Amino acid sequence: IVKRRVPVPLIEYEQRTLKFTLSKSRKKEDFGIILGCKFYIKEITNRKLAEKDPGLREGDTVLRINGQSVEGITIEEATKWLSKSREKLSLVVQRDVRRDGSR
């Protein structure tokens, strides 16, 4: 079996913190936003596996699990997808990158 890594183009960006204040014009009005949350690698507990592929880091944002987008799923569903993976787990992640290319 020949295994090759396919490089995913790295988009470099800076993370910025912005502050907004929204004001309602009427009391019964809502603010017109829906909050979501993202999945990220909180902790790598199996260092042996992490050493085999040292590219995965704590703090990486998970975009796909085994080819499936995690957008709109619950933490329970994401955990189930991870536990269903028997021998292989494919992850697509996003990482905050400084302009110089380092993390």
PDB file of N, CA and C in Angstrom:
ATOM      1  N   ILE A   1       0.849  -1.175   0.000  1.00  0.00           N
ATOM      2  CA  ILE A   1       0.000   0.000   0.000  1.00  0.00           C
ATOM      3  C   ILE A   1       0.893   1.236   0.000  1.00  0.00           C
ATOM      4  N   VAL A   2       0.608   2.151  -0.911  1.00  0.00           N
ATOM      5  CA  VAL A   2       1.343   3.407  -0.995  1.00  0.00           C
ATOM      6  C   VAL A   2       0.479   4.500  -0.386  1.00  0.00           C
ATOM      7  N   LYS A   3       1.030   5.171   0.592  1.00  0.00           N
ATOM      8  CA  LYS A   3       0.298   6.261   1.228  1.00  0.00           C
ATOM      9  C   LYS A   3       0.989   7.564   0.889  1.00  0.00           C
ATOM     10  N   ARG A   4       0.222   8.526   0.454  1.00  0.00           N
ATOM     11  CA  ARG A   4       0.761   9.845   0.142  1.00  0.00           C
ATOM     12  C   ARG A   4      -0.087  10.897   0.822  1.00  0.00           C
ATOM     13  N   ARG A   5       0.573  11.873   1.320  1.00  0.00           N
ATOM     14  CA  ARG A   5      -0.162  13.006   1.892  1.00  0.00           C
ATOM     15  C   ARG A   5      -0.430  14.005   0.791  1.00  0.00           C
ATOM     16  N   VAL A   6      -1.642  14.445   0.716  1.00  0.00           N
ATOM     17  CA  VAL A   6      -2.011  15.472  -0.254  1.00  0.00           C
ATOM     18  C   VAL A   6      -1.966  16.804   0.475  1.00  0.00           C
ATOM     19  N   PRO A   7      -1.068  17.699   0.062  1.00  0.00           N
ATOM     20  CA  PRO A   7      -1.003  18.982   0.766  1.00  0.00           C
ATOM     21  C   PRO A   7      -2.243  19.826   0.504  1.00  0.00           C
ATOM     22  N   VAL A   8      -2.805  20.340   1.575  1.00  0.00           N
ATOM     23  CA  VAL A   8      -3.948  21.240   1.483  1.00  0.00           C
ATOM     24  C   VAL A   8      -3.379  22.654   1.509  1.00  0.00           C
ATOM     25  N   PRO A   9      -3.777  23.504   0.565  1.00  0.00           N
ATOM     26  CA  PRO A   9      -3.233  24.866   0.553  1.00  0.00           C
ATOM     27  C   PRO A   9      -3.488  25.572   1.882  1.00  0.00           C
ATOM     28  N   LEU A  10      -2.471  26.205   2.407  1.00  0.00           N
ATOM     29  CA  LEU A  10      -2.570  26.902   3.676  1.00  0.00           C
ATOM     30  C   LEU A  10      -2.881  28.368   3.426  1.00  0.00           C
ATOM     31  N   ILE A  11      -3.982  28.815   3.988  1.00  0.00           N
ATOM     32  CA  ILE A  11      -4.364  30.219   3.864  1.00  0.00           C
ATOM     33  C   ILE A  11      -3.917  30.907   5.147  1.00  0.00           C
ATOM     34  N   GLU A  12      -2.988  31.824   5.022  1.00  0.00           N
ATOM     35  CA  GLU A  12      -2.469  32.513   6.196  1.00  0.00           C
ATOM     36  C   GLU A  12      -3.335  33.727   6.515  1.00  0.00           C
ATOM     37  N   TYR A  13      -3.613  33.927   7.784  1.00  0.00           N
ATOM     38  CA  TYR A  13      -4.421  35.058   8.201  1.00  0.00           C
ATOM     39  C   TYR A  13      -4.094  35.409   9.635  1.00  0.00           C
ATOM     40  N   GLU A  14      -4.512  36.558  10.031  1.00  0.00           N
ATOM     41  CA  GLU A  14      -4.392  36.987  11.417  1.00  0.00           C
ATOM     42  C   GLU A  14      -5.752  36.881  12.072  1.00  0.00           C
ATOM     43  N   GLN A  15      -5.756  36.595  13.347  1.00  0.00           N
ATOM     44  CA  GLN A  15      -7.005  36.592  14.085  1.00  0.00           C
ATOM     45  C   GLN A  15      -7.144  37.949  14.759  1.00  0.00           C
ATOM     46  N   ARG A  16      -8.298  38.552  14.616  1.00  0.00           N
ATOM     47  CA  ARG A  16      -8.545  39.874  15.201  1.00  0.00           C
ATOM     48  C   ARG A  16      -9.734  39.799  16.144  1.00  0.00           C
ATOM     49  N   THR A  17      -9.697  40.599  17.176  1.00  0.00           N
ATOM     50  CA  THR A  17     -10.814  40.702  18.107  1.00  0.00           C
ATOM     51  C   THR A  17     -11.555  41.996  17.809  1.00  0.00           C
ATOM     52  N   LEU A  18     -12.863  41.875  17.609  1.00  0.00           N
ATOM     53  CA  LEU A  18     -13.704  43.037  17.302  1.00  0.00           C
ATOM     54  C   LEU A  18     -14.791  43.145  18.361  1.00  0.00           C
ATOM     55  N   LYS A  19     -15.215  44.343  18.659  1.00  0.00           N
ATOM     56  CA  LYS A  19     -16.284  44.561  19.629  1.00  0.00           C
ATOM     57  C   LYS A  19     -17.446  45.255  18.935  1.00  0.00           C
ATOM     58  N   PHE A  20     -18.659  44.726  19.153  1.00  0.00           N
ATOM     59  CA  PHE A  20     -19.864  45.299  18.563  1.00  0.00           C
ATOM     60  C   PHE A  20     -20.892  45.521  19.655  1.00  0.00           C
ATOM     61  N   THR A  21     -21.692  46.546  19.509  1.00  0.00           N
ATOM     62  CA  THR A  21     -22.831  46.784  20.385  1.00  0.00           C
ATOM     63  C   THR A  21     -24.064  46.881  19.504  1.00  0.00           C
ATOM     64  N   LEU A  22     -25.017  45.981  19.728  1.00  0.00           N
ATOM     65  CA  LEU A  22     -26.259  45.973  18.959  1.00  0.00           C
ATOM     66  C   LEU A  22     -27.363  46.588  19.812  1.00  0.00           C
ATOM     67  N   SER A  23     -28.168  47.425  19.213  1.00  0.00           N
ATOM     68  CA  SER A  23     -29.266  48.080  19.934  1.00  0.00           C
ATOM     69  C   SER A  23     -30.580  47.780  19.227  1.00  0.00           C
ATOM     70  N   LYS A  24     -31.579  47.389  20.024  1.00  0.00           N
ATOM     71  CA  LYS A  24     -32.904  47.124  19.474  1.00  0.00           C
ATOM     72  C   LYS A  24     -33.648  48.442  19.303  1.00  0.00           C
ATOM     73  N   SER A  25     -34.433  48.537  18.239  1.00  0.00           N
ATOM     74  CA  SER A  25     -35.269  49.724  18.079  1.00  0.00           C
ATOM     75  C   SER A  25     -36.597  49.537  18.816  1.00  0.00           C
ATOM     76  N   ARG A  26     -37.000  48.261  19.017  1.00  0.00           N
ATOM     77  CA  ARG A  26     -38.213  47.948  19.784  1.00  0.00           C
ATOM     78  C   ARG A  26     -37.909  46.812  20.756  1.00  0.00           C
ATOM     79  N   LYS A  27     -38.576  46.800  21.908  1.00  0.00           N
ATOM     80  CA  LYS A  27     -38.307  45.796  22.941  1.00  0.00           C
ATOM     81  C   LYS A  27     -38.533  44.365  22.468  1.00  0.00           C
ATOM     82  N   LYS A  28     -39.587  44.133  21.695  1.00  0.00           N
ATOM     83  CA  LYS A  28     -39.953  42.777  21.293  1.00  0.00           C
ATOM     84  C   LYS A  28     -39.118  42.255  20.128  1.00  0.00           C
ATOM     85  N   GLU A  29     -38.296  43.087  19.571  1.00  0.00           N
ATOM     86  CA  GLU A  29     -37.439  42.716  18.455  1.00  0.00           C
ATOM     87  C   GLU A  29     -36.288  41.838  18.970  1.00  0.00           C
ATOM     88  N   ASP A  30     -35.798  40.923  18.121  1.00  0.00           N
ATOM     89  CA  ASP A  30     -34.594  40.198  18.521  1.00  0.00           C
ATOM     90  C   ASP A  30     -33.375  40.841  17.865  1.00  0.00           C
ATOM     91  N   PHE A  31     -32.207  40.359  18.197  1.00  0.00           N
ATOM     92  CA  PHE A  31     -30.985  40.966  17.670  1.00  0.00           C
ATOM     93  C   PHE A  31     -30.625  40.468  16.270  1.00  0.00           C
ATOM     94  N   GLY A  32     -31.314  39.447  15.791  1.00  0.00           N
ATOM     95  CA  GLY A  32     -31.100  38.984  14.419  1.00  0.00           C
ATOM     96  C   GLY A  32     -29.823  38.192  14.208  1.00  0.00           C
ATOM     97  N   ILE A  33     -29.344  37.546  15.261  1.00  0.00           N
ATOM     98  CA  ILE A  33     -28.164  36.691  15.104  1.00  0.00           C
ATOM     99  C   ILE A  33     -28.450  35.321  15.711  1.00  0.00           C
ATOM    100  N   ILE A  34     -27.802  34.305  15.188  1.00  0.00           N
ATOM    101  CA  ILE A  34     -27.882  32.948  15.724  1.00  0.00           C
ATOM    102  C   ILE A  34     -26.457  32.520  16.040  1.00  0.00           C
ATOM    103  N   LEU A  35     -26.237  32.073  17.257  1.00  0.00           N
ATOM    104  CA  LEU A  35     -24.902  31.664  17.671  1.00  0.00           C
ATOM    105  C   LEU A  35     -24.641  30.208  17.305  1.00  0.00           C
ATOM    106  N   GLY A  36     -23.411  29.913  17.015  1.00  0.00           N
ATOM    107  CA  GLY A  36     -22.973  28.547  16.769  1.00  0.00           C
ATOM    108  C   GLY A  36     -21.668  28.330  17.505  1.00  0.00           C
ATOM    109  N   CYS A  37     -21.224  27.117  17.553  1.00  0.00           N
ATOM    110  CA  CYS A  37     -19.922  26.878  18.167  1.00  0.00           C
ATOM    111  C   CYS A  37     -19.129  25.947  17.272  1.00  0.00           C
ATOM    112  N   LYS A  38     -17.830  25.956  17.457  1.00  0.00           N
ATOM    113  CA  LYS A  38     -16.990  25.136  16.599  1.00  0.00           C
ATOM    114  C   LYS A  38     -16.344  24.038  17.416  1.00  0.00           C
ATOM    115  N   PHE A  39     -15.996  22.962  16.729  1.00  0.00           N
ATOM    116  CA  PHE A  39     -15.318  21.843  17.365  1.00  0.00           C
ATOM    117  C   PHE A  39     -13.820  22.044  17.212  1.00  0.00           C
ATOM    118  N   TYR A  40     -13.096  21.761  18.249  1.00  0.00           N
ATOM    119  CA  TYR A  40     -11.647  21.904  18.184  1.00  0.00           C
ATOM    120  C   TYR A  40     -10.987  20.756  18.950  1.00  0.00           C
ATOM    121  N   ILE A  41      -9.714  20.545  18.661  1.00  0.00           N
ATOM    122  CA  ILE A  41      -8.958  19.516  19.364  1.00  0.00           C
ATOM    123  C   ILE A  41      -8.613  20.085  20.739  1.00  0.00           C
ATOM    124  N   LYS A  42      -9.323  19.628  21.747  1.00  0.00           N
ATOM    125  CA  LYS A  42      -9.122  20.137  23.105  1.00  0.00           C
ATOM    126  C   LYS A  42      -7.859  19.547  23.720  1.00  0.00           C
ATOM    127  N   GLU A  43      -7.659  18.246  23.508  1.00  0.00           N
ATOM    128  CA  GLU A  43      -6.519  17.577  24.120  1.00  0.00           C
ATOM    129  C   GLU A  43      -6.172  16.350  23.295  1.00  0.00           C
ATOM    130  N   ILE A  44      -4.899  16.070  23.164  1.00  0.00           N
ATOM    131  CA  ILE A  44      -4.448  14.838  22.510  1.00  0.00           C
ATOM    132  C   ILE A  44      -4.036  13.896  23.627  1.00  0.00           C
ATOM    133  N   THR A  45      -4.818  12.832  23.831  1.00  0.00           N
ATOM    134  CA  THR A  45      -4.590  11.934  24.959  1.00  0.00           C
ATOM    135  C   THR A  45      -3.716  10.741  24.602  1.00  0.00           C
ATOM    136  N   ASN A  46      -3.649  10.382  23.319  1.00  0.00           N
ATOM    137  CA  ASN A  46      -2.819   9.255  22.894  1.00  0.00           C
ATOM    138  C   ASN A  46      -1.589   9.807  22.182  1.00  0.00           C
ATOM    139  N   ARG A  47      -0.531  10.030  22.926  1.00  0.00           N
ATOM    140  CA  ARG A  47       0.689  10.634  22.367  1.00  0.00           C
ATOM    141  C   ARG A  47       1.342   9.733  21.325  1.00  0.00           C
ATOM    142  N   LYS A  48       1.176   8.411  21.434  1.00  0.00           N
ATOM    143  CA  LYS A  48       1.775   7.499  20.447  1.00  0.00           C
ATOM    144  C   LYS A  48       1.188   7.749  19.061  1.00  0.00           C
ATOM    145  N   LEU A  49      -0.124   7.908  18.986  1.00  0.00           N
ATOM    146  CA  LEU A  49      -0.759   8.198  17.697  1.00  0.00           C
ATOM    147  C   LEU A  49      -0.369   9.579  17.203  1.00  0.00           C
ATOM    148  N   ALA A  50      -0.306  10.534  18.098  1.00  0.00           N
ATOM    149  CA  ALA A  50       0.052  11.900  17.712  1.00  0.00           C
ATOM    150  C   ALA A  50       1.481  11.963  17.185  1.00  0.00           C
ATOM    151  N   GLU A  51       2.372  11.129  17.729  1.00  0.00           N
ATOM    152  CA  GLU A  51       3.760  11.111  17.269  1.00  0.00           C
ATOM    153  C   GLU A  51       3.868  10.557  15.853  1.00  0.00           C
ATOM    154  N   LYS A  52       2.964   9.638  15.483  1.00  0.00           N
ATOM    155  CA  LYS A  52       2.978   9.084  14.121  1.00  0.00           C
ATOM    156  C   LYS A  52       2.638  10.152  13.093  1.00  0.00           C
ATOM    157  N   ASP A  53       1.729  11.020  13.435  1.00  0.00           N
ATOM    158  CA  ASP A  53       1.358  12.124  12.552  1.00  0.00           C
ATOM    159  C   ASP A  53       1.385  13.403  13.383  1.00  0.00           C
ATOM    160  N   PRO A  54       2.549  14.021  13.504  1.00  0.00           N
ATOM    161  CA  PRO A  54       2.676  15.171  14.401  1.00  0.00           C
ATOM    162  C   PRO A  54       2.007  16.451  13.907  1.00  0.00           C
ATOM    163  N   GLY A  55       1.304  16.392  12.778  1.00  0.00           N
ATOM    164  CA  GLY A  55       0.673  17.594  12.256  1.00  0.00           C
ATOM    165  C   GLY A  55      -0.539  18.056  13.043  1.00  0.00           C
ATOM    166  N   LEU A  56      -1.227  17.147  13.719  1.00  0.00           N
ATOM    167  CA  LEU A  56      -2.423  17.497  14.483  1.00  0.00           C
ATOM    168  C   LEU A  56      -2.005  18.153  15.793  1.00  0.00           C
ATOM    169  N   ARG A  57      -2.639  19.274  16.119  1.00  0.00           N
ATOM    170  CA  ARG A  57      -2.277  20.021  17.327  1.00  0.00           C
ATOM    171  C   ARG A  57      -3.509  20.354  18.153  1.00  0.00           C
ATOM    172  N   GLU A  58      -3.300  20.454  19.438  1.00  0.00           N
ATOM    173  CA  GLU A  58      -4.367  20.934  20.311  1.00  0.00           C
ATOM    174  C   GLU A  58      -4.700  22.357  19.892  1.00  0.00           C
ATOM    175  N   GLY A  59      -5.989  22.675  19.826  1.00  0.00           N
ATOM    176  CA  GLY A  59      -6.432  23.998  19.389  1.00  0.00           C
ATOM    177  C   GLY A  59      -6.873  24.041  17.937  1.00  0.00           C
ATOM    178  N   ASP A  60      -6.524  23.007  17.142  1.00  0.00           N
ATOM    179  CA  ASP A  60      -6.968  22.963  15.748  1.00  0.00           C
ATOM    180  C   ASP A  60      -8.495  22.894  15.690  1.00  0.00           C
ATOM    181  N   THR A  61      -9.107  23.638  14.786  1.00  0.00           N
ATOM    182  CA  THR A  61     -10.553  23.606  14.589  1.00  0.00           C
ATOM    183  C   THR A  61     -10.891  22.494  13.605  1.00  0.00           C
ATOM    184  N   VAL A  62     -11.817  21.621  13.976  1.00  0.00           N
ATOM    185  CA  VAL A  62     -12.211  20.491  13.130  1.00  0.00           C
ATOM    186  C   VAL A  62     -13.290  20.949  12.155  1.00  0.00           C
ATOM    187  N   LEU A  63     -13.023  20.763  10.852  1.00  0.00           N
ATOM    188  CA  LEU A  63     -13.988  21.124   9.810  1.00  0.00           C
ATOM    189  C   LEU A  63     -14.731  19.903   9.277  1.00  0.00           C
ATOM    190  N   ARG A  64     -14.013  18.773   9.153  1.00  0.00           N
ATOM    191  CA  ARG A  64     -14.603  17.543   8.616  1.00  0.00           C
ATOM    192  C   ARG A  64     -14.106  16.334   9.393  1.00  0.00           C
ATOM    193  N   ILE A  65     -14.997  15.373   9.577  1.00  0.00           N
ATOM    194  CA  ILE A  65     -14.655  14.087  10.173  1.00  0.00           C
ATOM    195  C   ILE A  65     -15.014  13.021   9.153  1.00  0.00           C
ATOM    196  N   ASN A  66     -14.020  12.272   8.712  1.00  0.00           N
ATOM    197  CA  ASN A  66     -14.218  11.221   7.703  1.00  0.00           C
ATOM    198  C   ASN A  66     -15.002  11.733   6.495  1.00  0.00           C
ATOM    199  N   GLY A  67     -14.642  12.918   6.034  1.00  0.00           N
ATOM    200  CA  GLY A  67     -15.242  13.485   4.830  1.00  0.00           C
ATOM    201  C   GLY A  67     -16.556  14.211   5.044  1.00  0.00           C
ATOM    202  N   GLN A  68     -17.102  14.157   6.249  1.00  0.00           N
ATOM    203  CA  GLN A  68     -18.394  14.786   6.533  1.00  0.00           C
ATOM    204  C   GLN A  68     -18.181  16.118   7.255  1.00  0.00           C
ATOM    205  N   SER A  69     -18.846  17.158   6.778  1.00  0.00           N
ATOM    206  CA  SER A  69     -18.747  18.470   7.413  1.00  0.00           C
ATOM    207  C   SER A  69     -19.365  18.423   8.808  1.00  0.00           C
ATOM    208  N   VAL A  70     -18.729  19.082   9.757  1.00  0.00           N
ATOM    209  CA  VAL A  70     -19.267  19.131  11.119  1.00  0.00           C
ATOM    210  C   VAL A  70     -20.198  20.325  11.324  1.00  0.00           C
ATOM    211  N   GLU A  71     -20.379  21.107  10.277  1.00  0.00           N
ATOM    212  CA  GLU A  71     -21.238  22.289  10.378  1.00  0.00           C
ATOM    213  C   GLU A  71     -22.669  21.879  10.717  1.00  0.00           C
ATOM    214  N   GLY A  72     -23.202  22.455  11.783  1.00  0.00           N
ATOM    215  CA  GLY A  72     -24.593  22.223  12.155  1.00  0.00           C
ATOM    216  C   GLY A  72     -24.853  20.961  12.961  1.00  0.00           C
ATOM    217  N   ILE A  73     -23.813  20.174  13.294  1.00  0.00           N
ATOM    218  CA  ILE A  73     -24.067  18.969  14.080  1.00  0.00           C
ATOM    219  C   ILE A  73     -23.813  19.255  15.560  1.00  0.00           C
ATOM    220  N   THR A  74     -24.334  18.382  16.405  1.00  0.00           N
ATOM    221  CA  THR A  74     -24.155  18.536  17.851  1.00  0.00           C
ATOM    222  C   THR A  74     -22.858  17.866  18.285  1.00  0.00           C
ATOM    223  N   ILE A  75     -22.425  18.176  19.491  1.00  0.00           N
ATOM    224  CA  ILE A  75     -21.229  17.534  20.040  1.00  0.00           C
ATOM    225  C   ILE A  75     -21.456  16.030  20.194  1.00  0.00           C
ATOM    226  N   GLU A  76     -22.697  15.634  20.481  1.00  0.00           N
ATOM    227  CA  GLU A  76     -23.021  14.211  20.606  1.00  0.00           C
ATOM    228  C   GLU A  76     -22.835  13.495  19.271  1.00  0.00           C
ATOM    229  N   GLU A  77     -23.300  14.128  18.179  1.00  0.00           N
ATOM    230  CA  GLU A  77     -23.137  13.534  16.850  1.00  0.00           C
ATOM    231  C   GLU A  77     -21.660  13.429  16.475  1.00  0.00           C
ATOM    232  N   ALA A  78     -20.904  14.484  16.737  1.00  0.00           N
ATOM    233  CA  ALA A  78     -19.472  14.475  16.408  1.00  0.00           C
ATOM    234  C   ALA A  78     -18.746  13.383  17.192  1.00  0.00           C
ATOM    235  N   THR A  79     -19.082  13.240  18.463  1.00  0.00           N
ATOM    236  CA  THR A  79     -18.471  12.201  19.294  1.00  0.00           C
ATOM    237  C   THR A  79     -18.824  10.817  18.769  1.00  0.00           C
ATOM    238  N   LYS A  80     -20.060  10.650  18.302  1.00  0.00           N
ATOM    239  CA  LYS A  80     -20.490   9.373  17.737  1.00  0.00           C
ATOM    240  C   LYS A  80     -19.699   9.054  16.467  1.00  0.00           C
ATOM    241  N   TRP A  81     -19.474  10.064  15.619  1.00  0.00           N
ATOM    242  CA  TRP A  81     -18.684   9.868  14.393  1.00  0.00           C
ATOM    243  C   TRP A  81     -17.275   9.404  14.737  1.00  0.00           C
ATOM    244  N   LEU A  82     -16.690  10.002  15.785  1.00  0.00           N
ATOM    245  CA  LEU A  82     -15.342   9.598  16.204  1.00  0.00           C
ATOM    246  C   LEU A  82     -15.333   8.156  16.696  1.00  0.00           C
ATOM    247  N   SER A  83     -16.316   7.788  17.506  1.00  0.00           N
ATOM    248  CA  SER A  83     -16.342   6.433  18.065  1.00  0.00           C
ATOM    249  C   SER A  83     -16.654   5.375  17.007  1.00  0.00           C
ATOM    250  N   LYS A  84     -17.343   5.754  15.921  1.00  0.00           N
ATOM    251  CA  LYS A  84     -17.642   4.811  14.838  1.00  0.00           C
ATOM    252  C   LYS A  84     -16.415   4.507  13.980  1.00  0.00           C
ATOM    253  N   SER A  85     -15.412   5.360  14.038  1.00  0.00           N
ATOM    254  CA  SER A  85     -14.192   5.140  13.260  1.00  0.00           C
ATOM    255  C   SER A  85     -13.420   4.002  13.902  1.00  0.00           C
ATOM    256  N   ARG A  86     -13.228   2.923  13.146  1.00  0.00           N
ATOM    257  CA  ARG A  86     -12.570   1.744  13.702  1.00  0.00           C
ATOM    258  C   ARG A  86     -11.053   1.865  13.639  1.00  0.00           C
ATOM    259  N   GLU A  87     -10.478   1.739  12.450  1.00  0.00           N
ATOM    260  CA  GLU A  87      -9.023   1.713  12.308  1.00  0.00           C
ATOM    261  C   GLU A  87      -8.447   3.039  11.848  1.00  0.00           C
ATOM    262  N   LYS A  88      -9.231   3.816  11.102  1.00  0.00           N
ATOM    263  CA  LYS A  88      -8.732   5.082  10.569  1.00  0.00           C
ATOM    264  C   LYS A  88      -9.710   6.203  10.851  1.00  0.00           C
ATOM    265  N   LEU A  89      -9.151   7.373  11.064  1.00  0.00           N
ATOM    266  CA  LEU A  89      -9.945   8.577  11.282  1.00  0.00           C
ATOM    267  C   LEU A  89      -9.350   9.665  10.410  1.00  0.00           C
ATOM    268  N   SER A  90     -10.166  10.239   9.542  1.00  0.00           N
ATOM    269  CA  SER A  90      -9.714  11.312   8.658  1.00  0.00           C
ATOM    270  C   SER A  90     -10.281  12.632   9.169  1.00  0.00           C
ATOM    271  N   LEU A  91      -9.387  13.587   9.420  1.00  0.00           N
ATOM    272  CA  LEU A  91      -9.808  14.897   9.910  1.00  0.00           C
ATOM    273  C   LEU A  91      -9.304  15.988   8.987  1.00  0.00           C
ATOM    274  N   VAL A  92     -10.144  16.964   8.718  1.00  0.00           N
ATOM    275  CA  VAL A  92      -9.713  18.198   8.059  1.00  0.00           C
ATOM    276  C   VAL A  92      -9.841  19.269   9.128  1.00  0.00           C
ATOM    277  N   VAL A  93      -8.729  19.954   9.396  1.00  0.00           N
ATOM    278  CA  VAL A  93      -8.717  20.956  10.460  1.00  0.00           C
ATOM    279  C   VAL A  93      -8.249  22.300   9.932  1.00  0.00           C
ATOM    280  N   GLN A  94      -8.557  23.336  10.683  1.00  0.00           N
ATOM    281  CA  GLN A  94      -8.100  24.690  10.377  1.00  0.00           C
ATOM    282  C   GLN A  94      -7.311  25.175  11.583  1.00  0.00           C
ATOM    283  N   ARG A  95      -6.257  25.921  11.306  1.00  0.00           N
ATOM    284  CA  ARG A  95      -5.377  26.384  12.377  1.00  0.00           C
ATOM    285  C   ARG A  95      -5.143  27.874  12.237  1.00  0.00           C
ATOM    286  N   ASP A  96      -5.129  28.587  13.349  1.00  0.00           N
ATOM    287  CA  ASP A  96      -4.762  30.006  13.331  1.00  0.00           C
ATOM    288  C   ASP A  96      -3.291  30.095  12.962  1.00  0.00           C
ATOM    289  N   VAL A  97      -2.983  30.900  11.979  1.00  0.00           N
ATOM    290  CA  VAL A  97      -1.615  31.000  11.477  1.00  0.00           C
ATOM    291  C   VAL A  97      -1.197  32.462  11.474  1.00  0.00           C
ATOM    292  N   ARG A  98      -0.006  32.714  11.980  1.00  0.00           N
ATOM    293  CA  ARG A  98       0.542  34.069  11.902  1.00  0.00           C
ATOM    294  C   ARG A  98       1.026  34.323  10.492  1.00  0.00           C
ATOM    295  N   ARG A  99       1.210  35.551  10.148  1.00  0.00           N
ATOM    296  CA  ARG A  99       1.644  35.916   8.799  1.00  0.00           C
ATOM    297  C   ARG A  99       2.986  35.307   8.429  1.00  0.00           C
ATOM    298  N   ASP A 100       3.854  35.032   9.404  1.00  0.00           N
ATOM    299  CA  ASP A 100       5.156  34.450   9.095  1.00  0.00           C
ATOM    300  C   ASP A 100       5.083  32.942   8.871  1.00  0.00           C
ATOM    301  N   GLY A 101       3.874  32.364   8.983  1.00  0.00           N
ATOM    302  CA  GLY A 101       3.676  30.947   8.716  1.00  0.00           C
ATOM    303  C   GLY A 101       3.770  30.067   9.947  1.00  0.00           C
ATOM    304  N   SER A 102       4.140  30.622  11.094  1.00  0.00           N
ATOM    305  CA  SER A 102       4.196  29.815  12.305  1.00  0.00           C
ATOM    306  C   SER A 102       2.863  29.876  13.020  1.00  0.00           C
ATOM    307  N   ARG A 103       2.674  29.006  13.969  1.00  0.00           N
ATOM    308  CA  ARG A 103       1.413  28.957  14.678  1.00  0.00           C
ATOM    309  C   ARG A 103       1.341  29.988  15.736  1.00  0.00           C
TER     310      ARG A 103
END
